[in-house]
Amino acid sequence: MEALEPDELRRLVLAAVDPYIDRDVLARQIAREEQQRRALEGFAGRWGTRTEEP
Protein backbone atom coordinates (compact mmCIF):
# COMPACT_ATOMS: atom_id res chain seq x y z
CA MET A 1 0.00 0.00 0.00
CA GLU A 2 2.86 2.38 0.63
CA ALA A 3 3.70 2.26 -3.07
CA LEU A 4 0.18 3.29 -4.13
CA GLU A 5 -0.73 6.89 -4.68
CA PRO A 6 -3.45 8.07 -2.27
CA ASP A 7 -5.93 8.63 -5.11
CA GLU A 8 -5.35 5.12 -6.45
CA LEU A 9 -5.75 3.58 -3.00
CA ARG A 10 -8.97 5.53 -2.51
CA ARG A 11 -10.28 4.34 -5.87
CA LEU A 12 -9.49 0.72 -5.05
CA VAL A 13 -11.15 0.88 -1.64
CA LEU A 14 -14.26 2.58 -2.99
CA ALA A 15 -14.53 0.04 -5.80
CA ALA A 16 -14.24 -2.81 -3.28
CA VAL A 17 -16.98 -1.56 -0.96
CA ASP A 18 -19.33 -0.14 -3.59
CA PRO A 19 -21.38 -3.35 -4.06
CA TYR A 20 -22.15 -3.42 -0.34
CA ILE A 21 -23.42 0.15 0.03
CA ASP A 22 -27.15 0.53 0.59
CA ARG A 23 -27.82 3.76 -1.31
CA ASP A 24 -31.09 4.49 0.52
CA VAL A 25 -29.45 4.20 3.93
CA LEU A 26 -26.51 6.30 2.75
CA ALA A 27 -28.82 9.04 1.44
CA ARG A 28 -30.76 9.13 4.72
CA GLN A 29 -27.54 9.31 6.73
CA ILE A 30 -26.15 12.11 4.59
CA ALA A 31 -29.41 14.06 4.99
CA ARG A 32 -29.34 13.50 8.76
CA GLU A 33 -25.74 14.69 9.00
CA GLU A 34 -26.58 17.81 6.99
CA GLN A 35 -29.52 18.55 9.30
CA GLN A 36 -27.24 18.15 12.33
CA ARG A 37 -24.59 20.37 10.71
CA ARG A 38 -27.15 23.14 10.14
CA ALA A 39 -28.38 22.85 13.74
CA LEU A 40 -24.82 23.09 15.07
CA GLU A 41 -24.06 26.07 12.83
CA GLY A 42 -27.16 27.81 14.15
CA PHE A 43 -26.17 27.07 17.73
CA ALA A 44 -22.59 28.20 17.17
CA GLY A 45 -23.84 31.39 15.52
CA ARG A 46 -25.76 32.24 18.68
CA TRP A 47 -22.91 31.25 21.03
CA GLY A 48 -22.17 34.01 23.48
CA THR A 49 -25.22 36.07 22.63
CA ARG A 50 -27.58 36.89 25.44
CA THR A 51 -31.09 35.59 24.79
CA GLU A 52 -32.73 36.15 28.19
CA GLU A 53 -33.58 39.41 29.86
CA PRO A 54 -32.70 39.72 33.59
C-alpha atoms as a PDB file:
ATOM      1  CA  MET A   1       0.000   0.000   0.000  1.00  0.00           C
ATOM      2  CA  GLU A   2       2.863   2.382   0.632  1.00  0.00           C
ATOM      3  CA  ALA A   3       3.699   2.264  -3.071  1.00  0.00           C
ATOM      4  CA  LEU A   4       0.184   3.294  -4.126  1.00  0.00           C
ATOM      5  CA  GLU A   5      -0.731   6.893  -4.677  1.00  0.00           C
ATOM      6  CA  PRO A   6      -3.445   8.071  -2.269  1.00  0.00           C
ATOM      7  CA  ASP A   7      -5.928   8.629  -5.105  1.00  0.00           C
ATOM      8  CA  GLU A   8      -5.346   5.118  -6.448  1.00  0.00           C
ATOM      9  CA  LEU A   9      -5.745   3.583  -2.998  1.00  0.00           C
ATOM     10  CA  ARG A  10      -8.967   5.526  -2.506  1.00  0.00           C
ATOM     11  CA  ARG A  11     -10.285   4.342  -5.873  1.00  0.00           C
ATOM     12  CA  LEU A  12      -9.494   0.718  -5.050  1.00  0.00           C
ATOM     13  CA  VAL A  13     -11.146   0.875  -1.639  1.00  0.00           C
ATOM     14  CA  LEU A  14     -14.265   2.582  -2.986  1.00  0.00           C
ATOM     15  CA  ALA A  15     -14.535   0.042  -5.800  1.00  0.00           C
ATOM     16  CA  ALA A  16     -14.238  -2.814  -3.285  1.00  0.00           C
ATOM     17  CA  VAL A  17     -16.983  -1.556  -0.957  1.00  0.00           C
ATOM     18  CA  ASP A  18     -19.328  -0.135  -3.590  1.00  0.00           C
ATOM     19  CA  PRO A  19     -21.377  -3.349  -4.061  1.00  0.00           C
ATOM     20  CA  TYR A  20     -22.145  -3.416  -0.337  1.00  0.00           C
ATOM     21  CA  ILE A  21     -23.415   0.148   0.029  1.00  0.00           C
ATOM     22  CA  ASP A  22     -27.153   0.531   0.593  1.00  0.00           C
ATOM     23  CA  ARG A  23     -27.821   3.758  -1.307  1.00  0.00           C
ATOM     24  CA  ASP A  24     -31.091   4.495   0.520  1.00  0.00           C
ATOM     25  CA  VAL A  25     -29.452   4.199   3.934  1.00  0.00           C
ATOM     26  CA  LEU A  26     -26.512   6.296   2.754  1.00  0.00           C
ATOM     27  CA  ALA A  27     -28.817   9.039   1.435  1.00  0.00           C
ATOM     28  CA  ARG A  28     -30.760   9.131   4.722  1.00  0.00           C
ATOM     29  CA  GLN A  29     -27.545   9.314   6.731  1.00  0.00           C
ATOM     30  CA  ILE A  30     -26.146  12.114   4.587  1.00  0.00           C
ATOM     31  CA  ALA A  31     -29.414  14.059   4.995  1.00  0.00           C
ATOM     32  CA  ARG A  32     -29.340  13.495   8.759  1.00  0.00           C
ATOM     33  CA  GLU A  33     -25.736  14.695   9.003  1.00  0.00           C
ATOM     34  CA  GLU A  34     -26.580  17.805   6.989  1.00  0.00           C
ATOM     35  CA  GLN A  35     -29.516  18.548   9.303  1.00  0.00           C
ATOM     36  CA  GLN A  36     -27.243  18.153  12.334  1.00  0.00           C
ATOM     37  CA  ARG A  37     -24.592  20.366  10.713  1.00  0.00           C
ATOM     38  CA  ARG A  38     -27.151  23.137  10.142  1.00  0.00           C
ATOM     39  CA  ALA A  39     -28.382  22.855  13.740  1.00  0.00           C
ATOM     40  CA  LEU A  40     -24.819  23.095  15.067  1.00  0.00           C
ATOM     41  CA  GLU A  41     -24.057  26.066  12.834  1.00  0.00           C
ATOM     42  CA  GLY A  42     -27.164  27.812  14.150  1.00  0.00           C
ATOM     43  CA  PHE A  43     -26.173  27.068  17.729  1.00  0.00           C
ATOM     44  CA  ALA A  44     -22.592  28.203  17.169  1.00  0.00           C
ATOM     45  CA  GLY A  45     -23.842  31.387  15.518  1.00  0.00           C
ATOM     46  CA  ARG A  46     -25.760  32.237  18.683  1.00  0.00           C
ATOM     47  CA  TRP A  47     -22.914  31.246  21.030  1.00  0.00           C
ATOM     48  CA  GLY A  48     -22.168  34.012  23.483  1.00  0.00           C
ATOM     49  CA  THR A  49     -25.222  36.072  22.631  1.00  0.00           C
ATOM     50  CA  ARG A  50     -27.582  36.892  25.438  1.00  0.00           C
ATOM     51  CA  THR A  51     -31.092  35.594  24.795  1.00  0.00           C
ATOM     52  CA  GLU A  52     -32.731  36.146  28.186  1.00  0.00           C
ATOM     53  CA  GLU A  53     -33.584  39.410  29.858  1.00  0.00           C
ATOM     54  CA  PRO A  54     -32.705  39.724  33.594  1.00  0.00           C
END
